[in-house]
Amino acid sequence: PPSGSWEEEVTGIDACEGAEGNVIVYLTWKGGHKSQHPLSQIYKRCPQ
């Protein structure tokens, strides 16, 4: 994943799973790449 904001690089959020305090978010990027990140990181990189 690139540094800085992900708002323009992420095409969509596919799903979220996990308990409170340990939620994992699944992302799809431009170019078709997929990755997963903790919810706290998503709030910093692409809150919108």
All heavy atoms as atom14 arrays in JSON, in Angstrom:
{
  "sequence": "PPSGSWEEEVTGIDACEGAEGNVIVYLTWKGGHKSQHPLSQIYKRCPQ",
  "atom14_mask": [
    [1, 1, 1, 1, 1, 1, 1, 0, 0, 0, 0, 0, 0, 0],
    [1, 1, 1, 1, 1, 1, 1, 0, 0, 0, 0, 0, 0, 0],
    [1, 1, 1, 1, 1, 1, 0, 0, 0, 0, 0, 0, 0, 0],
    [1, 1, 1, 1, 0, 0, 0, 0, 0, 0, 0, 0, 0, 0],
    [1, 1, 1, 1, 1, 1, 0, 0, 0, 0, 0, 0, 0, 0],
    [1, 1, 1, 1, 1, 1, 1, 1, 1, 1, 1, 1, 1, 1],
    [1, 1, 1, 1, 1, 1, 1, 1, 1, 0, 0, 0, 0, 0],
    [1, 1, 1, 1, 1, 1, 1, 1, 1, 0, 0, 0, 0, 0],
    [1, 1, 1, 1, 1, 1, 1, 1, 1, 0, 0, 0, 0, 0],
    [1, 1, 1, 1, 1, 1, 1, 0, 0, 0, 0, 0, 0, 0],
    [1, 1, 1, 1, 1, 1, 1, 0, 0, 0, 0, 0, 0, 0],
    [1, 1, 1, 1, 0, 0, 0, 0, 0, 0, 0, 0, 0, 0],
    [1, 1, 1, 1, 1, 1, 1, 1, 0, 0, 0, 0, 0, 0],
    [1, 1, 1, 1, 1, 1, 1, 1, 0, 0, 0, 0, 0, 0],
    [1, 1, 1, 1, 1, 0, 0, 0, 0, 0, 0, 0, 0, 0],
    [1, 1, 1, 1, 1, 1, 0, 0, 0, 0, 0, 0, 0, 0],
    [1, 1, 1, 1, 1, 1, 1, 1, 1, 0, 0, 0, 0, 0],
    [1, 1, 1, 1, 0, 0, 0, 0, 0, 0, 0, 0, 0, 0],
    [1, 1, 1, 1, 1, 0, 0, 0, 0, 0, 0, 0, 0, 0],
    [1, 1, 1, 1, 1, 1, 1, 1, 1, 0, 0, 0, 0, 0],
    [1, 1, 1, 1, 0, 0, 0, 0, 0, 0, 0, 0, 0, 0],
    [1, 1, 1, 1, 1, 1, 1, 1, 0, 0, 0, 0, 0, 0],
    [1, 1, 1, 1, 1, 1, 1, 0, 0, 0, 0, 0, 0, 0],
    [1, 1, 1, 1, 1, 1, 1, 1, 0, 0, 0, 0, 0, 0],
    [1, 1, 1, 1, 1, 1, 1, 0, 0, 0, 0, 0, 0, 0],
    [1, 1, 1, 1, 1, 1, 1, 1, 1, 1, 1, 1, 0, 0],
    [1, 1, 1, 1, 1, 1, 1, 1, 0, 0, 0, 0, 0, 0],
    [1, 1, 1, 1, 1, 1, 1, 0, 0, 0, 0, 0, 0, 0],
    [1, 1, 1, 1, 1, 1, 1, 1, 1, 1, 1, 1, 1, 1],
    [1, 1, 1, 1, 1, 1, 1, 1, 1, 0, 0, 0, 0, 0],
    [1, 1, 1, 1, 0, 0, 0, 0, 0, 0, 0, 0, 0, 0],
    [1, 1, 1, 1, 0, 0, 0, 0, 0, 0, 0, 0, 0, 0],
    [1, 1, 1, 1, 1, 1, 1, 1, 1, 1, 0, 0, 0, 0],
    [1, 1, 1, 1, 1, 1, 1, 1, 1, 0, 0, 0, 0, 0],
    [1, 1, 1, 1, 1, 1, 0, 0, 0, 0, 0, 0, 0, 0],
    [1, 1, 1, 1, 1, 1, 1, 1, 1, 0, 0, 0, 0, 0],
    [1, 1, 1, 1, 1, 1, 1, 1, 1, 1, 0, 0, 0, 0],
    [1, 1, 1, 1, 1, 1, 1, 0, 0, 0, 0, 0, 0, 0],
    [1, 1, 1, 1, 1, 1, 1, 1, 0, 0, 0, 0, 0, 0],
    [1, 1, 1, 1, 1, 1, 0, 0, 0, 0, 0, 0, 0, 0],
    [1, 1, 1, 1, 1, 1, 1, 1, 1, 0, 0, 0, 0, 0],
    [1, 1, 1, 1, 1, 1, 1, 1, 0, 0, 0, 0, 0, 0],
    [1, 1, 1, 1, 1, 1, 1, 1, 1, 1, 1, 1, 0, 0],
    [1, 1, 1, 1, 1, 1, 1, 1, 1, 0, 0, 0, 0, 0],
    [1, 1, 1, 1, 1, 1, 1, 1, 1, 1, 1, 0, 0, 0],
    [1, 1, 1, 1, 1, 1, 0, 0, 0, 0, 0, 0, 0, 0],
    [1, 1, 1, 1, 1, 1, 1, 0, 0, 0, 0, 0, 0, 0],
    [1, 1, 1, 1, 1, 1, 1, 1, 1, 0, 0, 0, 0, 0]
  ],
  "atom14_positions": [
    [[0.84, -1.21, 0.0], [0.0, 0.0, 0.0], [0.87, 1.25, 0.0], [1.95, 1.27, 0.59], [-0.8, -0.11, 1.31], [-0.77, -1.56, 1.64], [0.55, -2.06, 1.17], [0.0, 0.0, 0.0], [0.0, 0.0, 0.0], [0.0, 0.0, 0.0], [0.0, 0.0, 0.0], [0.0, 0.0, 0.0], [0.0, 0.0, 0.0], [0.0, 0.0, 0.0]],
    [[0.4, 2.32, -0.64], [1.19, 3.55, -0.68], [1.18, 4.27, 0.66], [0.36, 3.98, 1.54], [0.47, 4.38, -1.75], [-0.94, 3.9, -1.71], [-0.87, 2.43, -1.37], [0.0, 0.0, 0.0], [0.0, 0.0, 0.0], [0.0, 0.0, 0.0], [0.0, 0.0, 0.0], [0.0, 0.0, 0.0], [0.0, 0.0, 0.0], [0.0, 0.0, 0.0]],
    [[2.1, 5.21, 0.8], [2.12, 6.04, 2.01], [1.13, 7.19, 1.83], [0.71, 7.51, 0.73], [3.54, 6.58, 2.24], [3.96, 7.34, 1.13], [0.0, 0.0, 0.0], [0.0, 0.0, 0.0], [0.0, 0.0, 0.0], [0.0, 0.0, 0.0], [0.0, 0.0, 0.0], [0.0, 0.0, 0.0], [0.0, 0.0, 0.0], [0.0, 0.0, 0.0]],
    [[0.76, 7.81, 2.94], [-0.18, 8.93, 2.87], [-1.62, 8.45, 2.79], [-1.98, 7.35, 3.19], [0.0, 0.0, 0.0], [0.0, 0.0, 0.0], [0.0, 0.0, 0.0], [0.0, 0.0, 0.0], [0.0, 0.0, 0.0], [0.0, 0.0, 0.0], [0.0, 0.0, 0.0], [0.0, 0.0, 0.0], [0.0, 0.0, 0.0], [0.0, 0.0, 0.0]],
    [[-2.46, 9.33, 2.23], [-3.89, 9.04, 2.15], [-4.19, 7.95, 1.13], [-3.56, 7.89, 0.07], [-4.66, 10.31, 1.77], [-6.02, 10.02, 1.57], [0.0, 0.0, 0.0], [0.0, 0.0, 0.0], [0.0, 0.0, 0.0], [0.0, 0.0, 0.0], [0.0, 0.0, 0.0], [0.0, 0.0, 0.0], [0.0, 0.0, 0.0], [0.0, 0.0, 0.0]],
    [[-5.2, 7.1, 1.45], [-5.62, 6.04, 0.54], [-6.96, 6.35, -0.13], [-7.49, 5.53, -0.87], [-5.77, 4.71, 1.31], [-4.48, 4.19, 1.86], [-3.22, 4.65, 1.64], [-4.34, 3.08, 2.76], [-2.29, 3.93, 2.33], [-2.95, 2.92, 3.03], [-5.24, 2.19, 3.36], [-2.45, 1.94, 3.88], [-4.73, 1.2, 4.2], [-3.36, 1.08, 4.45]],
    [[-7.51, 7.5, 0.13], [-8.85, 7.81, -0.35], [-8.98, 7.64, -1.87], [-9.99, 7.12, -2.36], [-9.23, 9.25, 0.04], [-9.33, 9.5, 1.52], [-10.56, 8.87, 2.16], [-11.37, 8.24, 1.45], [-10.7, 8.99, 3.39], [0.0, 0.0, 0.0], [0.0, 0.0, 0.0], [0.0, 0.0, 0.0], [0.0, 0.0, 0.0], [0.0, 0.0, 0.0]],
    [[-7.97, 8.07, -2.63], [-8.07, 8.01, -4.09], [-7.56, 6.69, -4.65], [-7.76, 6.42, -5.84], [-7.25, 9.17, -4.7], [-7.72, 10.55, -4.29], [-9.16, 10.82, -4.74], [-9.55, 10.31, -5.81], [-9.88, 11.52, -4.01], [0.0, 0.0, 0.0], [0.0, 0.0, 0.0], [0.0, 0.0, 0.0], [0.0, 0.0, 0.0], [0.0, 0.0, 0.0]],
    [[-6.89, 5.9, -3.82], [-6.31, 4.65, -4.3], [-7.22, 3.44, -4.07], [-7.16, 2.46, -4.8], [-4.96, 4.39, -3.6], [-3.94, 5.5, -3.8], [-3.59, 5.69, -5.26], [-3.57, 4.69, -6.01], [-3.36, 6.85, -5.66], [0.0, 0.0, 0.0], [0.0, 0.0, 0.0], [0.0, 0.0, 0.0], [0.0, 0.0, 0.0], [0.0, 0.0, 0.0]],
    [[-8.06, 3.53, -3.06], [-8.97, 2.42, -2.73], [-10.25, 2.56, -3.54], [-10.89, 3.63, -3.55], [-9.29, 2.41, -1.23], [-10.37, 1.37, -0.92], [-8.04, 2.15, -0.42], [0.0, 0.0, 0.0], [0.0, 0.0, 0.0], [0.0, 0.0, 0.0], [0.0, 0.0, 0.0], [0.0, 0.0, 0.0], [0.0, 0.0, 0.0], [0.0, 0.0, 0.0]],
    [[-10.65, 1.5, -4.2], [-11.9, 1.53, -4.99], [-13.1, 1.08, -4.16], [-14.24, 1.39, -4.52], [-11.77, 0.63, -6.23], [-11.5, -0.72, -5.82], [-10.64, 1.12, -7.13], [0.0, 0.0, 0.0], [0.0, 0.0, 0.0], [0.0, 0.0, 0.0], [0.0, 0.0, 0.0], [0.0, 0.0, 0.0], [0.0, 0.0, 0.0], [0.0, 0.0, 0.0]],
    [[-12.86, 0.35, -3.11], [-13.99, -0.08, -2.28], [-13.56, -0.89, -1.08], [-12.45, -1.42, -1.03], [0.0, 0.0, 0.0], [0.0, 0.0, 0.0], [0.0, 0.0, 0.0], [0.0, 0.0, 0.0], [0.0, 0.0, 0.0], [0.0, 0.0, 0.0], [0.0, 0.0, 0.0], [0.0, 0.0, 0.0], [0.0, 0.0, 0.0], [0.0, 0.0, 0.0]],
    [[-14.46, -0.94, -0.08], [-14.26, -1.77, 1.11], [-15.18, -2.97, 0.96], [-16.4, -2.83, 0.82], [-14.58, -0.99, 2.39], [-13.58, 0.18, 2.53], [-14.51, -1.9, 3.61], [-13.83, 1.06, 3.74], [0.0, 0.0, 0.0], [0.0, 0.0, 0.0], [0.0, 0.0, 0.0], [0.0, 0.0, 0.0], [0.0, 0.0, 0.0], [0.0, 0.0, 0.0]],
    [[-14.59, -4.15, 0.95], [-15.35, -5.36, 0.68], [-16.09, -5.88, 1.92], [-17.25, -6.31, 1.83], [-14.43, -6.46, 0.14], [-13.75, -6.05, -1.14], [-14.36, -5.26, -1.89], [-12.61, -6.49, -1.39], [0.0, 0.0, 0.0], [0.0, 0.0, 0.0], [0.0, 0.0, 0.0], [0.0, 0.0, 0.0], [0.0, 0.0, 0.0], [0.0, 0.0, 0.0]],
    [[-15.45, -5.86, 3.07], [-16.09, -6.44, 4.26], [-15.33, -6.05, 5.52], [-14.19, -5.55, 5.45], [-16.16, -7.95, 4.16], [0.0, 0.0, 0.0], [0.0, 0.0, 0.0], [0.0, 0.0, 0.0], [0.0, 0.0, 0.0], [0.0, 0.0, 0.0], [0.0, 0.0, 0.0], [0.0, 0.0, 0.0], [0.0, 0.0, 0.0], [0.0, 0.0, 0.0]],
    [[-15.98, -6.26, 6.66], [-15.35, -6.08, 7.96], [-15.71, -7.3, 8.82], [-16.82, -7.82, 8.75], [-15.89, -4.83, 8.66], [-15.45, -3.29, 7.84], [0.0, 0.0, 0.0], [0.0, 0.0, 0.0], [0.0, 0.0, 0.0], [0.0, 0.0, 0.0], [0.0, 0.0, 0.0], [0.0, 0.0, 0.0], [0.0, 0.0, 0.0], [0.0, 0.0, 0.0]],
    [[-14.75, -7.72, 9.61], [-15.06, -8.83, 10.51], [-14.18, -8.74, 11.75], [-13.11, -8.15, 11.73], [-14.85, -10.16, 9.8], [-13.42, -10.48, 9.44], [-13.25, -11.86, 8.81], [-14.28, -12.5, 8.53], [-12.1, -12.27, 8.61], [0.0, 0.0, 0.0], [0.0, 0.0, 0.0], [0.0, 0.0, 0.0], [0.0, 0.0, 0.0], [0.0, 0.0, 0.0]],
    [[-14.66, -9.39, 12.83], [-13.91, -9.41, 14.07], [-14.69, -8.79, 15.2], [-15.73, -8.16, 15.01], [0.0, 0.0, 0.0], [0.0, 0.0, 0.0], [0.0, 0.0, 0.0], [0.0, 0.0, 0.0], [0.0, 0.0, 0.0], [0.0, 0.0, 0.0], [0.0, 0.0, 0.0], [0.0, 0.0, 0.0], [0.0, 0.0, 0.0], [0.0, 0.0, 0.0]],
    [[-14.16, -8.95, 16.36], [-14.79, -8.39, 17.54], [-14.32, -6.97, 17.77], [-13.36, -6.5, 17.16], [-14.46, -9.27, 18.75], [0.0, 0.0, 0.0], [0.0, 0.0, 0.0], [0.0, 0.0, 0.0], [0.0, 0.0, 0.0], [0.0, 0.0, 0.0], [0.0, 0.0, 0.0], [0.0, 0.0, 0.0], [0.0, 0.0, 0.0], [0.0, 0.0, 0.0]],
    [[-15.0, -6.28, 18.7], [-14.65, -4.9, 18.99], [-13.22, -4.81, 19.48], [-12.8, -5.56, 20.34], [-15.61, -4.35, 20.05], [-15.39, -2.87, 20.32], [-16.39, -2.31, 21.32], [-17.33, -3.04, 21.69], [-16.22, -1.15, 21.72], [0.0, 0.0, 0.0], [0.0, 0.0, 0.0], [0.0, 0.0, 0.0], [0.0, 0.0, 0.0], [0.0, 0.0, 0.0]],
    [[-12.48, -3.9, 18.91], [-11.07, -3.74, 19.26], [-10.16, -4.6, 18.41], [-8.93, -4.46, 18.47], [0.0, 0.0, 0.0], [0.0, 0.0, 0.0], [0.0, 0.0, 0.0], [0.0, 0.0, 0.0], [0.0, 0.0, 0.0], [0.0, 0.0, 0.0], [0.0, 0.0, 0.0], [0.0, 0.0, 0.0], [0.0, 0.0, 0.0], [0.0, 0.0, 0.0]],
    [[-10.72, -5.48, 17.61], [-9.89, -6.34, 16.74], [-10.6, -6.58, 15.4], [-10.74, -7.71, 14.94], [-9.6, -7.66, 17.43], [-8.53, -8.47, 16.7], [-7.69, -7.9, 16.0], [-8.58, -9.79, 16.86], [0.0, 0.0, 0.0], [0.0, 0.0, 0.0], [0.0, 0.0, 0.0], [0.0, 0.0, 0.0], [0.0, 0.0, 0.0], [0.0, 0.0, 0.0]],
    [[-11.08, -5.5, 14.81], [-11.82, -5.57, 13.54], [-10.83, -5.49, 12.38], [-9.95, -4.62, 12.34], [-12.85, -4.44, 13.44], [-13.58, -4.49, 12.1], [-13.84, -4.53, 14.6], [0.0, 0.0, 0.0], [0.0, 0.0, 0.0], [0.0, 0.0, 0.0], [0.0, 0.0, 0.0], [0.0, 0.0, 0.0], [0.0, 0.0, 0.0], [0.0, 0.0, 0.0]],
    [[-11.0, -6.37, 11.4], [-10.17, -6.39, 10.19], [-11.02, -5.92, 9.01], [-12.16, -6.39, 8.82], [-9.61, -7.79, 9.92], [-8.75, -8.26, 11.1], [-8.8, -7.8, 8.63], [-7.55, -7.4, 11.38], [0.0, 0.0, 0.0], [0.0, 0.0, 0.0], [0.0, 0.0, 0.0], [0.0, 0.0, 0.0], [0.0, 0.0, 0.0], [0.0, 0.0, 0.0]],
    [[-10.48, -5.0, 8.2], [-11.18, -4.44, 7.05], [-10.51, -4.94, 5.78], [-9.27, -4.89, 5.64], [-11.17, -2.89, 7.08], [-11.93, -2.33, 5.88], [-11.78, -2.39, 8.38], [0.0, 0.0, 0.0], [0.0, 0.0, 0.0], [0.0, 0.0, 0.0], [0.0, 0.0, 0.0], [0.0, 0.0, 0.0], [0.0, 0.0, 0.0], [0.0, 0.0, 0.0]],
    [[-11.32, -5.38, 4.8], [-10.82, -5.91, 3.53], [-11.01, -4.84, 2.44], [-12.14, -4.38, 2.21], [-11.54, -7.2, 3.17], [-11.29, -8.31, 4.15], [-12.07, -8.45, 5.3], [-10.25, -9.21, 3.94], [-11.83, -9.46, 6.22], [-10.01, -10.24, 4.85], [-10.8, -10.35, 5.98], [-10.56, -11.35, 6.9], [0.0, 0.0, 0.0], [0.0, 0.0, 0.0]],
    [[-9.88, -4.48, 1.75], [-9.91, -3.41, 0.75], [-9.64, -3.96, -0.65], [-8.93, -4.96, -0.82], [-8.86, -2.35, 1.06], [-8.91, -1.68, 2.45], [-7.78, -0.66, 2.55], [-10.26, -1.01, 2.67], [0.0, 0.0, 0.0], [0.0, 0.0, 0.0], [0.0, 0.0, 0.0], [0.0, 0.0, 0.0], [0.0, 0.0, 0.0], [0.0, 0.0, 0.0]],
    [[-10.19, -3.24, -1.66], [-9.83, -3.47, -3.07], [-9.23, -2.18, -3.63], [-9.83, -1.1, -3.49], [-11.07, -3.87, -3.9], [-11.6, -5.09, -3.38], [-10.69, -4.05, -5.36], [0.0, 0.0, 0.0], [0.0, 0.0, 0.0], [0.0, 0.0, 0.0], [0.0, 0.0, 0.0], [0.0, 0.0, 0.0], [0.0, 0.0, 0.0], [0.0, 0.0, 0.0]],
    [[-8.08, -2.32, -4.27], [-7.33, -1.16, -4.75], [-7.48, -1.03, -6.26], [-7.87, -1.96, -6.95], [-5.84, -1.3, -4.41], [-5.56, -1.43, -2.95], [-5.69, -2.53, -2.17], [-5.12, -0.38, -2.09], [-5.34, -2.27, -0.88], [-4.98, -0.94, -0.79], [-4.82, 0.96, -2.27], [-4.55, -0.21, 0.3], [-4.39, 1.7, -1.19], [-4.25, 1.14, 0.08]],
    [[-7.09, 0.15, -6.76], [-7.01, 0.35, -8.2], [-5.98, -0.63, -8.76], [-4.89, -0.76, -8.22], [-6.58, 1.78, -8.53], [-7.63, 2.83, -8.24], [-7.12, 4.22, -8.6], [-8.18, 5.28, -8.35], [-7.7, 6.65, -8.68], [0.0, 0.0, 0.0], [0.0, 0.0, 0.0], [0.0, 0.0, 0.0], [0.0, 0.0, 0.0], [0.0, 0.0, 0.0]],
    [[-6.31, -1.3, -9.83], [-5.43, -2.32, -10.38], [-5.84, -3.71, -9.95], [-5.25, -4.69, -10.4], [0.0, 0.0, 0.0], [0.0, 0.0, 0.0], [0.0, 0.0, 0.0], [0.0, 0.0, 0.0], [0.0, 0.0, 0.0], [0.0, 0.0, 0.0], [0.0, 0.0, 0.0], [0.0, 0.0, 0.0], [0.0, 0.0, 0.0], [0.0, 0.0, 0.0]],
    [[-6.83, -3.82, -9.04], [-7.33, -5.13, -8.64], [-6.67, -5.75, -7.44], [-7.03, -6.86, -7.04], [0.0, 0.0, 0.0], [0.0, 0.0, 0.0], [0.0, 0.0, 0.0], [0.0, 0.0, 0.0], [0.0, 0.0, 0.0], [0.0, 0.0, 0.0], [0.0, 0.0, 0.0], [0.0, 0.0, 0.0], [0.0, 0.0, 0.0], [0.0, 0.0, 0.0]],
    [[-5.69, -5.1, -6.86], [-5.03, -5.66, -5.69], [-5.99, -5.65, -4.49], [-6.83, -4.76, -4.35], [-3.77, -4.85, -5.34], [-2.75, -4.82, -6.43], [-2.04, -5.92, -6.82], [-2.34, -3.8, -7.23], [-1.22, -5.59, -7.8], [-1.39, -4.31, -8.07], [0.0, 0.0, 0.0], [0.0, 0.0, 0.0], [0.0, 0.0, 0.0], [0.0, 0.0, 0.0]],
    [[-5.83, -6.65, -3.64], [-6.64, -6.75, -2.43], [-5.73, -6.86, -1.23], [-4.65, -7.43, -1.3], [-7.57, -7.97, -2.5], [-8.63, -7.85, -3.59], [-9.56, -9.03, -3.57], [-10.63, -8.94, -4.64], [-11.56, -7.8, -4.42], [0.0, 0.0, 0.0], [0.0, 0.0, 0.0], [0.0, 0.0, 0.0], [0.0, 0.0, 0.0], [0.0, 0.0, 0.0]],
    [[-6.2, -6.29, -0.11], [-5.41, -6.35, 1.13], [-6.34, -6.23, 2.32], [-7.52, -5.88, 2.18], [-4.37, -5.21, 1.15], [-5.02, -3.95, 1.13], [0.0, 0.0, 0.0], [0.0, 0.0, 0.0], [0.0, 0.0, 0.0], [0.0, 0.0, 0.0], [0.0, 0.0, 0.0], [0.0, 0.0, 0.0], [0.0, 0.0, 0.0], [0.0, 0.0, 0.0]],
    [[-5.81, -6.51, 3.49], [-6.6, -6.41, 4.72], [-5.8, -5.66, 5.78], [-4.58, -5.82, 5.89], [-6.98, -7.79, 5.23], [-5.81, -8.71, 5.49], [-6.24, -10.13, 5.83], [-7.25, -10.61, 5.33], [-5.48, -10.78, 6.7], [0.0, 0.0, 0.0], [0.0, 0.0, 0.0], [0.0, 0.0, 0.0], [0.0, 0.0, 0.0], [0.0, 0.0, 0.0]],
    [[-6.54, -4.83, 6.59], [-5.86, -3.94, 7.53], [-6.73, -3.79, 8.78], [-7.97, -3.92, 8.72], [-5.64, -2.56, 6.89], [-4.93, -2.63, 5.57], [-3.58, -2.64, 5.45], [-5.44, -2.73, 4.31], [-3.24, -2.71, 4.16], [-4.37, -2.77, 3.44], [0.0, 0.0, 0.0], [0.0, 0.0, 0.0], [0.0, 0.0, 0.0], [0.0, 0.0, 0.0]],
    [[-6.13, -3.45, 9.91], [-6.91, -3.21, 11.12], [-7.76, -1.94, 10.97], [-7.39, -1.03, 10.24], [-5.85, -3.05, 12.2], [-4.6, -2.71, 11.49], [-4.67, -3.38, 10.15], [0.0, 0.0, 0.0], [0.0, 0.0, 0.0], [0.0, 0.0, 0.0], [0.0, 0.0, 0.0], [0.0, 0.0, 0.0], [0.0, 0.0, 0.0], [0.0, 0.0, 0.0]],
    [[-8.89, -1.93, 11.63], [-9.83, -0.81, 11.51], [-9.19, 0.51, 11.89], [-9.46, 1.56, 11.28], [-11.07, -1.08, 12.39], [-12.16, -0.02, 12.35], [-12.71, 0.14, 10.94], [-13.28, -0.38, 13.33], [0.0, 0.0, 0.0], [0.0, 0.0, 0.0], [0.0, 0.0, 0.0], [0.0, 0.0, 0.0], [0.0, 0.0, 0.0], [0.0, 0.0, 0.0]],
    [[-8.31, 0.49, 12.88], [-7.67, 1.74, 13.32], [-6.85, 2.37, 12.19], [-6.78, 3.6, 12.05], [-6.78, 1.45, 14.54], [-5.78, 0.47, 14.2], [0.0, 0.0, 0.0], [0.0, 0.0, 0.0], [0.0, 0.0, 0.0], [0.0, 0.0, 0.0], [0.0, 0.0, 0.0], [0.0, 0.0, 0.0], [0.0, 0.0, 0.0], [0.0, 0.0, 0.0]],
    [[-6.22, 1.53, 11.36], [-5.43, 2.06, 10.24], [-6.35, 2.63, 9.15], [-6.01, 3.65, 8.53], [-4.55, 0.94, 9.65], [-3.56, 1.44, 8.63], [-2.65, 0.33, 8.11], [-3.0, -0.85, 8.19], [-1.5, 0.7, 7.59], [0.0, 0.0, 0.0], [0.0, 0.0, 0.0], [0.0, 0.0, 0.0], [0.0, 0.0, 0.0], [0.0, 0.0, 0.0]],
    [[-7.51, 2.01, 8.95], [-8.46, 2.5, 7.94], [-8.98, 3.88, 8.34], [-9.14, 4.76, 7.5], [-9.64, 1.51, 7.79], [-9.12, 0.14, 7.32], [-10.66, 2.04, 6.8], [-8.37, 0.17, 6.01], [0.0, 0.0, 0.0], [0.0, 0.0, 0.0], [0.0, 0.0, 0.0], [0.0, 0.0, 0.0], [0.0, 0.0, 0.0], [0.0, 0.0, 0.0]],
    [[-9.23, 4.08, 9.64], [-9.7, 5.39, 10.1], [-8.67, 6.51, 9.79], [-9.06, 7.65, 9.55], [-9.97, 5.35, 11.6], [-11.26, 4.66, 11.98], [-11.38, 4.03, 13.22], [-12.35, 4.65, 11.12], [-12.56, 3.39, 13.58], [-13.53, 4.01, 11.47], [-13.65, 3.38, 12.69], [-14.81, 2.76, 13.04], [0.0, 0.0, 0.0], [0.0, 0.0, 0.0]],
    [[-7.38, 6.15, 9.8], [-6.33, 7.15, 9.54], [-6.11, 7.37, 8.05], [-5.91, 8.5, 7.6], [-5.01, 6.68, 10.18], [-5.02, 6.68, 11.69], [-3.69, 6.2, 12.22], [-3.67, 6.16, 13.74], [-2.37, 5.68, 14.26], [0.0, 0.0, 0.0], [0.0, 0.0, 0.0], [0.0, 0.0, 0.0], [0.0, 0.0, 0.0], [0.0, 0.0, 0.0]],
    [[-6.17, 6.29, 7.28], [-5.79, 6.39, 5.86], [-6.97, 6.74, 4.94], [-6.8, 7.49, 3.99], [-5.19, 5.05, 5.4], [-3.94, 4.65, 6.15], [-2.78, 5.55, 5.84], [-1.53, 5.03, 6.4], [-0.35, 5.59, 6.24], [-0.24, 6.7, 5.54], [0.74, 5.07, 6.8], [0.0, 0.0, 0.0], [0.0, 0.0, 0.0], [0.0, 0.0, 0.0]],
    [[-8.12, 6.18, 5.18], [-9.25, 6.45, 4.29], [-10.57, 6.46, 5.08], [-11.43, 5.59, 4.88], [-9.31, 5.46, 3.14], [-9.26, 3.72, 3.66], [0.0, 0.0, 0.0], [0.0, 0.0, 0.0], [0.0, 0.0, 0.0], [0.0, 0.0, 0.0], [0.0, 0.0, 0.0], [0.0, 0.0, 0.0], [0.0, 0.0, 0.0], [0.0, 0.0, 0.0]],
    [[-10.73, 7.42, 5.98], [-11.95, 7.48, 6.81], [-13.23, 7.68, 5.99], [-14.28, 7.16, 6.36], [-11.68, 8.66, 7.74], [-10.66, 9.49, 7.04], [-9.81, 8.54, 6.29], [0.0, 0.0, 0.0], [0.0, 0.0, 0.0], [0.0, 0.0, 0.0], [0.0, 0.0, 0.0], [0.0, 0.0, 0.0], [0.0, 0.0, 0.0], [0.0, 0.0, 0.0]],
    [[-13.13, 8.42, 4.87], [-14.32, 8.66, 4.06], [-14.81, 7.37, 3.42], [-16.02, 7.14, 3.3], [-14.01, 9.71, 2.98], [-13.68, 11.09, 3.53], [-14.84, 11.68, 4.32], [-16.02, 11.53, 3.96], [-14.52, 12.33, 5.44], [0.0, 0.0, 0.0], [0.0, 0.0, 0.0], [0.0, 0.0, 0.0], [0.0, 0.0, 0.0], [0.0, 0.0, 0.0]]
  ]
}
